[in-house]
Protein backbone atom coordinates (compact mmCIF):
# COMPACT_ATOMS: atom_id res chain seq x y z
CA MET A 1 14.76 25.93 16.52
CA GLY A 2 11.48 25.65 14.62
CA LEU A 3 9.69 23.60 12.06
CA THR A 4 10.85 23.60 8.49
CA LYS A 5 9.84 21.82 5.30
CA GLN A 6 13.31 21.46 3.95
CA SER A 7 14.77 17.98 3.48
CA THR A 8 11.50 16.32 4.43
CA ARG A 9 11.24 12.71 3.33
CA SER A 10 7.69 11.93 4.26
CA ALA A 11 4.23 11.25 3.06
CA ALA A 12 2.65 14.28 1.52
CA SER A 13 5.80 16.28 2.12
CA GLY A 14 3.92 19.22 3.59
CA ASP A 15 1.98 17.05 6.06
CA VAL A 16 4.85 15.75 8.21
CA PRO A 17 7.23 18.41 9.49
CA ALA A 18 10.97 17.99 9.23
CA ILE A 19 12.71 18.34 12.56
CA VAL A 20 15.66 20.71 12.73
CA LYS A 21 18.46 19.00 14.65
CA SER A 22 21.22 20.91 16.37
CA SER A 23 23.59 17.99 15.64
CA ASP A 24 23.61 14.63 13.88
CA GLN A 25 23.68 12.89 17.27
CA GLU A 26 20.40 14.45 18.41
CA LYS A 27 17.60 11.89 18.38
CA VAL A 28 13.96 12.49 17.47
CA ILE A 29 11.46 10.78 19.76
CA ALA A 30 7.73 10.55 19.02
CA LEU A 31 5.39 10.63 22.01
CA ALA A 32 2.17 8.72 21.30
CA GLY A 33 -0.78 7.46 23.31
CA ASN A 34 -4.53 7.47 23.80
CA PRO A 35 -6.18 10.71 24.92
CA ASN A 36 -6.15 11.36 28.69
CA VAL A 37 -3.35 8.95 29.63
CA GLY A 38 -0.97 11.61 30.97
CA LYS A 39 0.95 12.08 27.73
CA SER A 40 1.14 15.86 28.17
CA THR A 41 2.32 15.37 31.75
CA VAL A 42 5.18 13.19 30.54
CA PHE A 43 5.98 15.70 27.78
CA ASN A 44 6.08 18.65 30.18
CA ALA A 45 8.06 16.75 32.80
CA LEU A 46 10.78 15.84 30.29
CA THR A 47 11.02 19.08 28.31
CA GLY A 48 10.13 21.66 30.97
CA LEU A 49 9.94 25.13 29.41
CA ASN A 50 12.14 24.14 26.46
CA GLN A 51 9.21 23.55 24.09
CA HIS A 52 7.06 25.26 21.50
CA THR A 53 3.70 24.58 19.89
CA GLY A 54 2.11 25.13 16.50
CA ASN A 55 0.00 23.23 13.97
CA TRP A 56 0.90 20.27 11.79
CA PRO A 57 1.46 21.54 8.23
CA GLY A 58 -1.83 21.64 6.37
CA LYS A 59 -3.80 20.57 9.45
CA THR A 60 -5.67 22.22 12.30
CA VAL A 61 -4.21 19.66 14.72
CA SER A 62 -1.83 21.16 17.27
CA ASN A 63 1.83 20.17 17.29
CA ALA A 64 4.19 20.41 20.25
CA GLN A 65 7.95 19.90 20.25
CA GLY A 66 10.43 20.07 23.08
CA ARG A 67 14.07 19.34 23.82
CA TYR A 68 15.76 17.60 26.71
CA SER A 69 19.17 16.15 27.55
CA HIS A 70 19.95 12.93 29.36
CA ASN A 71 23.39 11.57 30.25
CA GLY A 72 25.05 13.98 27.83
CA ARG A 73 22.75 13.04 24.95
CA ASP A 74 20.26 15.40 23.29
CA PHE A 75 16.70 14.51 22.29
CA ILE A 76 13.82 16.22 20.47
CA LEU A 77 10.44 15.07 21.79
CA VAL A 78 7.49 15.41 19.39
CA ASP A 79 4.06 15.14 21.01
CA ILE A 80 1.82 13.62 18.35
CA PRO A 81 -1.99 13.82 18.68
CA GLY A 82 -3.68 11.51 21.16
CA THR A 83 -5.51 8.75 19.31
CA TYR A 84 -7.06 5.36 19.98
CA SER A 85 -5.79 3.71 16.80
CA LEU A 86 -3.83 4.26 13.59
CA MET A 87 -6.66 3.24 11.26
CA ALA A 88 -6.75 6.85 9.99
CA SER A 89 -10.49 7.42 10.35
CA SER A 90 -9.82 10.94 11.68
CA VAL A 91 -7.32 13.74 11.07
CA GLU A 92 -5.62 13.00 14.42
CA GLU A 93 -5.16 9.32 13.55
CA GLU A 94 -3.82 10.22 10.11
CA VAL A 95 -1.29 12.67 11.59
CA ALA A 96 -0.18 10.16 14.25
CA ARG A 97 0.24 7.34 11.73
CA ASP A 98 2.06 9.48 9.20
CA PHE A 99 4.58 10.77 11.72
CA VAL A 100 5.30 7.33 13.21
CA CYS A 101 5.66 5.77 9.76
CA PHE A 102 6.94 8.56 7.54
CA GLY A 103 8.46 11.02 10.01
CA GLN A 104 11.20 8.45 10.74
CA PRO A 105 11.56 9.07 14.50
CA ASP A 106 14.50 7.34 16.16
CA ALA A 107 12.12 5.87 18.75
CA VAL A 108 8.46 6.03 19.75
CA VAL A 109 7.33 6.34 23.36
CA VAL A 110 3.78 5.02 23.77
CA VAL A 111 2.14 6.21 26.98
CA ALA A 112 -0.53 3.83 28.31
CA ASP A 113 -2.99 4.14 31.19
CA ALA A 114 -2.34 1.49 33.85
CA THR A 115 -5.99 1.58 34.94
CA CYS A 116 -7.33 0.55 31.51
CA LEU A 117 -4.33 -1.13 29.93
CA GLU A 118 -6.26 -3.53 27.70
CA ARG A 119 -7.78 -0.72 25.63
CA ASN A 120 -4.42 1.09 25.41
CA LEU A 121 -2.65 -2.02 24.11
CA ASN A 122 -4.58 -1.73 20.83
CA LEU A 123 -2.55 1.36 19.89
CA VAL A 124 0.67 -0.16 21.23
CA LEU A 125 0.31 -3.22 19.00
CA GLN A 126 -0.51 -1.13 15.92
CA ILE A 127 2.63 0.97 16.43
CA LEU A 128 4.72 -2.16 17.01
CA GLU A 129 3.60 -3.42 13.61
CA ILE A 130 5.24 -0.35 12.08
CA THR A 131 8.46 -0.22 14.11
CA ASP A 132 10.20 -2.05 16.93
CA LYS A 133 11.98 1.12 18.11
CA VAL A 134 9.40 1.52 20.84
CA VAL A 135 9.34 2.15 24.59
CA VAL A 136 6.05 1.60 26.41
CA CYS A 137 5.43 3.89 29.39
CA VAL A 138 2.71 2.49 31.65
CA ASN A 139 1.59 5.67 33.37
CA LEU A 140 -0.77 6.27 36.31
CA LEU A 141 0.59 3.37 38.35
CA ASP A 142 -0.40 5.29 41.47
CA GLU A 143 -4.04 5.26 40.34
CA ALA A 144 -3.79 1.57 39.49
CA LYS A 145 -2.47 0.87 42.99
CA LYS A 146 -5.48 2.61 44.53
CA LYS A 147 -7.73 0.33 42.48
CA LYS A 148 -5.60 -2.70 43.48
CA ILE A 149 -4.47 -3.42 39.93
CA GLU A 150 -1.13 -5.20 39.68
CA ILE A 151 0.77 -5.18 36.39
CA ASP A 152 3.71 -7.51 35.67
CA LEU A 153 5.83 -5.09 33.66
CA ASP A 154 8.52 -7.69 32.91
CA GLU A 155 5.94 -10.10 31.49
CA LEU A 156 4.41 -7.28 29.47
CA SER A 157 7.85 -6.44 28.07
CA LEU A 158 8.37 -10.08 27.04
CA ASN A 159 5.00 -10.16 25.26
CA LEU A 160 5.63 -6.91 23.41
CA GLY A 161 9.33 -7.38 22.69
CA VAL A 162 10.22 -3.84 23.81
CA PRO A 163 11.09 -2.10 27.10
CA VAL A 164 8.14 -1.38 29.37
CA ILE A 165 8.58 1.28 32.07
CA GLY A 166 6.14 1.91 34.90
CA ALA A 167 5.58 5.54 35.84
CA ALA A 168 3.52 8.03 37.79
CA ALA A 169 4.41 11.13 35.78
CA ARG A 170 2.64 13.61 38.05
CA SER A 171 5.03 12.76 40.88
CA GLY A 172 8.02 12.18 38.58
CA LYS A 173 8.23 8.47 39.40
CA GLY A 174 9.73 6.35 36.63
CA LEU A 175 10.80 9.23 34.38
CA GLN A 176 14.51 8.58 34.94
CA GLU A 177 14.07 4.94 33.93
CA LEU A 178 12.00 6.07 30.94
CA MET A 179 14.78 8.36 29.73
CA ASP A 180 17.31 5.54 30.19
CA ALA A 181 15.19 3.19 28.06
CA VAL A 182 14.56 5.81 25.36
CA SER A 183 18.28 6.52 25.15
CA ALA A 184 19.15 2.82 24.88
CA VAL A 185 16.55 2.10 22.18
CA SER A 186 17.20 5.20 20.07
CA PHE A 187 20.98 4.65 20.09
CA GLY A 188 20.61 0.91 19.36
CA GLU A 189 21.93 -0.21 22.76
CA ARG A 190 18.77 -2.14 23.66
CA ARG A 191 17.63 -5.02 21.49
CA THR A 192 13.95 -5.07 20.56
CA PHE A 193 11.79 -7.50 18.60
CA GLN A 194 9.30 -6.84 15.80
CA VAL A 195 5.77 -7.87 16.73
CA LYS A 196 4.00 -10.10 14.23
CA LEU A 197 0.26 -10.21 14.81
CA PRO A 198 -1.31 -13.41 13.46
CA TYR A 199 -4.29 -12.78 11.21
CA ASP A 200 -6.86 -15.11 9.67
CA GLU A 201 -5.38 -17.73 7.34
CA PRO A 202 -6.79 -16.15 4.13
CA ILE A 203 -5.28 -12.80 5.15
CA GLU A 204 -1.94 -14.43 5.93
CA ARG A 205 -1.88 -16.14 2.51
CA ALA A 206 -2.63 -12.83 0.81
CA LEU A 207 0.17 -11.15 2.78
CA GLU A 208 2.65 -13.91 1.91
CA SER A 209 2.03 -13.33 -1.79
CA LEU A 210 2.44 -9.55 -1.45
CA ILE A 211 5.38 -9.22 0.96
CA PRO A 212 8.13 -10.18 -1.57
CA ILE A 213 6.87 -7.50 -3.99
CA VAL A 214 6.49 -4.87 -1.27
CA SER A 215 9.93 -5.69 0.18
CA ARG A 216 11.58 -4.79 -3.12
CA LEU A 217 9.73 -1.48 -3.19
CA THR A 218 10.29 -0.48 0.45
CA GLN A 219 14.02 -1.35 0.35
CA GLY A 220 14.23 -1.60 4.13
CA LYS A 221 12.66 1.82 4.75
CA MET A 222 9.67 0.31 6.60
CA ASN A 223 8.22 -3.00 7.70
CA PRO A 224 7.05 -4.66 4.44
CA ARG A 225 4.43 -6.77 6.28
CA TRP A 226 2.74 -3.64 7.65
CA ALA A 227 2.96 -1.92 4.26
CA ALA A 228 1.43 -4.96 2.51
CA LEU A 229 -1.40 -5.08 5.05
CA LYS A 230 -2.14 -1.38 4.59
CA LEU A 231 -2.09 -1.71 0.80
CA LEU A 232 -4.63 -4.55 1.04
CA ASP A 233 -6.77 -2.28 3.20
CA ALA A 234 -6.19 0.81 1.05
CA ASP A 235 -9.86 0.98 -0.03
CA GLN A 236 -10.65 2.10 3.53
CA ASP A 237 -7.79 4.62 3.52
CA PRO A 238 -7.40 6.04 -0.02
CA LYS A 239 -4.72 8.57 0.96
CA LEU A 240 -2.33 5.83 2.03
CA ILE A 241 -1.07 4.81 -1.43
CA GLN A 242 -0.26 8.45 -2.18
CA SER A 243 1.52 8.79 1.16
CA LEU A 244 3.52 5.61 0.61
CA SER A 245 4.39 6.64 -2.95
CA GLN A 246 5.79 9.98 -1.83
CA PHE A 247 7.70 8.43 1.07
CA LEU A 248 9.23 5.67 -1.10
CA ASP A 249 9.73 8.07 -4.03
CA CYS A 250 8.01 5.76 -6.50
CA ASP A 251 4.63 5.55 -8.20
CA LEU A 252 2.96 2.59 -6.49
CA GLU A 253 -0.23 2.97 -8.52
CA GLY A 254 1.86 2.79 -11.69
CA CYS A 255 3.85 -0.27 -10.56
CA GLU A 256 2.48 -3.08 -12.69
CA GLU A 257 3.93 -5.86 -10.51
CA LEU A 258 2.34 -4.41 -7.37
CA CYS A 259 -1.01 -3.82 -9.06
CA LEU A 260 -1.11 -7.41 -10.30
CA GLY A 261 -0.06 -8.67 -6.86
CA LEU A 262 -2.78 -6.63 -5.14
CA LYS A 263 -5.38 -7.80 -7.65
CA SER A 264 -4.42 -11.45 -7.09
CA ALA A 265 -4.36 -11.04 -3.27
CA ARG A 266 -7.77 -9.34 -3.25
CA GLU A 267 -9.21 -12.06 -5.48
CA GLN A 268 -7.95 -14.64 -2.96
CA LEU A 269 -9.64 -12.74 -0.15
CA SER A 270 -12.84 -12.29 -2.16
CA SER A 271 -13.02 -16.02 -2.90
CA ALA A 272 -12.68 -16.63 0.85
CA GLY A 273 -15.64 -14.35 1.50
CA TYR A 274 -13.76 -11.19 2.53
CA THR A 275 -15.13 -7.82 1.46
CA PRO A 276 -13.11 -4.63 2.13
CA GLU A 277 -15.29 -4.01 5.20
CA THR A 278 -14.85 -7.59 6.42
CA LEU A 279 -11.08 -7.33 5.98
CA ARG A 280 -10.92 -4.18 8.13
CA ASP A 281 -13.17 -5.79 10.76
CA ARG A 282 -11.01 -8.92 10.97
CA ILE A 283 -7.81 -6.88 11.24
CA VAL A 284 -9.30 -4.88 14.11
CA TYR A 285 -10.63 -8.04 15.75
CA ARG A 286 -7.19 -9.67 15.76
CA VAL A 287 -5.58 -6.58 17.29
CA VAL A 288 -8.24 -6.40 20.00
CA LYS A 289 -8.04 -10.14 20.68
CA ARG A 290 -4.25 -10.03 21.02
CA SER A 291 -4.55 -7.08 23.40
CA GLU A 292 -7.00 -9.05 25.51
CA ILE A 293 -4.67 -12.07 25.69
CA ILE A 294 -1.65 -9.97 26.70
CA TYR A 295 -3.72 -8.10 29.27
CA HIS A 296 -4.87 -11.27 31.02
CA GLN A 297 -1.31 -12.62 31.07
CA CYS A 298 0.16 -9.49 32.64
CA VAL A 299 -2.53 -7.91 34.83
CA CYS A 300 -3.89 -9.17 38.13
CA LEU A 301 -7.04 -7.63 39.63
CA GLU A 302 -7.45 -8.05 43.37
CA ASN A 303 -11.03 -6.87 42.92
CA PRO A 304 -12.25 -7.91 39.44
CA CYS A 305 -15.32 -5.68 39.88
CA TYR A 306 -13.30 -2.57 40.75
CA ASN A 307 -14.92 -0.70 37.84
CA GLY A 308 -18.29 -2.42 37.99
CA ARG A 309 -20.20 0.80 38.63
CA ASP A 310 -18.45 2.56 35.72
CA ARG A 311 -19.22 -0.34 33.39
CA LYS A 312 -22.90 -0.33 34.40
CA ILE A 313 -23.12 3.40 33.71
CA ASP A 314 -21.30 2.97 30.38
CA LYS A 315 -23.58 0.09 29.39
CA PHE A 316 -26.68 2.13 30.23
CA LEU A 317 -25.52 5.27 28.42
CA THR A 318 -24.19 3.48 25.32
CA SER A 319 -26.85 0.80 24.92
CA LYS A 320 -28.94 0.97 21.74
CA ALA A 321 -32.07 0.60 23.85
CA THR A 322 -31.32 3.30 26.44
CA GLY A 323 -28.52 5.45 24.97
CA ILE A 324 -30.64 7.30 22.37
CA PRO A 325 -33.54 8.03 24.79
CA VAL A 326 -31.06 9.34 27.36
CA MET A 327 -29.45 11.57 24.73
CA LEU A 328 -32.86 12.92 23.65
CA LEU A 329 -33.84 13.60 27.27
CA LEU A 330 -30.57 15.47 27.86
CA LEU A 331 -31.12 17.54 24.70
CA ALA A 332 -34.67 18.31 25.81
CA LEU A 333 -33.36 19.35 29.23
CA ILE A 334 -30.79 21.66 27.62
CA PHE A 335 -33.49 23.26 25.43
CA TRP A 336 -35.76 23.73 28.45
CA ILE A 337 -32.96 25.31 30.46
CA THR A 338 -32.11 27.59 27.53
CA ILE A 339 -35.68 28.71 26.88
CA ASN A 340 -37.49 28.56 30.24
CA GLY A 341 -35.38 27.01 32.95
CA ALA A 342 -32.88 29.86 33.06
CA ASN A 343 -35.69 32.24 34.05
CA VAL A 344 -35.96 30.65 37.49
CA PRO A 345 -32.46 31.51 38.78
CA SER A 346 -32.64 34.78 36.82
CA ASP A 347 -35.81 35.83 38.67
CA LEU A 348 -34.27 34.87 42.02
CA ILE A 349 -31.16 36.93 41.32
CA ALA A 350 -33.30 39.88 40.12
CA GLY A 351 -35.46 39.75 43.23
CA PHE A 352 -32.38 39.72 45.45
CA LEU A 353 -30.60 42.58 43.66
CA PHE A 354 -33.64 44.83 43.36
CA GLY A 355 -34.49 44.09 46.98
CA ILE A 356 -31.13 45.56 47.88
CA GLN A 357 -31.98 48.62 45.75
CA ASP A 358 -35.11 49.24 47.81
CA LYS A 359 -33.11 48.94 51.03
CA LEU A 360 -30.49 51.38 49.73
CA THR A 361 -33.21 53.90 48.80
CA GLU A 362 -34.75 53.63 52.27
CA TRP A 363 -31.35 54.01 53.92
CA LEU A 364 -30.47 57.13 51.90
CA ALA A 365 -33.87 58.63 52.78
CA SER A 366 -33.28 57.89 56.48
CA ILE A 367 -30.05 59.89 56.48
CA SER A 368 -31.64 62.74 54.48
CA ALA A 369 -29.32 62.27 51.50
CA PRO A 370 -29.93 64.58 48.52
CA ALA A 371 -32.26 63.22 45.83
CA TRP A 372 -29.50 63.38 43.20
CA VAL A 373 -27.37 60.92 45.24
CA ASN A 374 -30.15 58.34 45.14
CA GLY A 375 -30.82 59.04 41.47
CA LEU A 376 -27.16 58.81 40.45
CA PHE A 377 -25.85 55.94 42.53
CA VAL A 378 -28.92 53.80 43.25
CA GLU A 379 -31.32 54.33 40.36
CA GLY A 380 -28.48 54.93 37.93
CA VAL A 381 -25.28 52.97 38.64
CA TYR A 382 -26.68 50.22 40.88
CA ARG A 383 -29.84 49.57 38.85
CA THR A 384 -27.77 49.34 35.63
CA LEU A 385 -25.38 46.84 37.22
CA ALA A 386 -28.33 44.86 38.59
CA TRP A 387 -29.94 44.65 35.13
CA VAL A 388 -26.63 43.55 33.57
CA ASN A 389 -26.13 40.80 36.15
CA ARG A 390 -29.76 39.71 35.73
């Protein structure tokens, strides 16, 4: 079964693929996560060879879908692009956000790295603002154990309001429990809770004035608080209003009530000293701060300096004072290697290969081989190969 555009109710109808179900009972599961957290390992472990890849419609971002069955129930797993946030500052983030919000998956599995959970929680919290049909898979527990990192998964589940499953996908550990949780959430057998991130008081007042208007427009199709927040921040993401309009099948830019509500809310924020850039910064700050609080409540480090060396290297390479000089030195080294440096190993290889040629010529002369043999095989074939490899 492949991708199709028929019966797609999504933002920018060509941008989010419709999923062809084999039956009404088949559930669509989105697989999200930061890059390099083992998301592909989880995807391959669940779907096996029953998968296919392509591109998202209108994008150059790859798309992978697979099917699996669990306890007599069928699921379609959609591997959305790895991304660090849903702020839509890149094509990957836009695709991930649009599928989670407008693709209407029955559940979202967010794969997180147990060894750097705090950073991964930023994406988890952003997805939880959109939907509570979420299962968090804390992967790489085996690596965390080596670094003596202990994670209280039950406490993490309480803080997030959704199931949290520990896993080591490479060895298959935790995948059975993950499939159980996905099945329970997607079929409504497991109760979850919508996360409400607290923002600055001026932002909260602006949201309170907008939410009643947005609720009437969304008609239960999405979380009105998240939609109101994104509409306030639409200056940083101009495609969003168009995406929301197509998903909700209404002209948001032509809705007088919404336009007046947005104007009033933005005037409130402006009077409180919030510019569009400040608003985005404060939203990000609150997400990061909440991630930090949850992390410290749920994670215990036997050796708090377990990644001290990595942090020192990161600080050195990313510092404003040292990062740019290091980058320039590396670029200079690459240019030197390209122009002059490569001649050193090239000359060594040439000396070795042509030294063998001389030995072969001497050996053929010692056995009184005909001159044409030396000319054909040594000066012809061998010398040509030596020049090519030089």
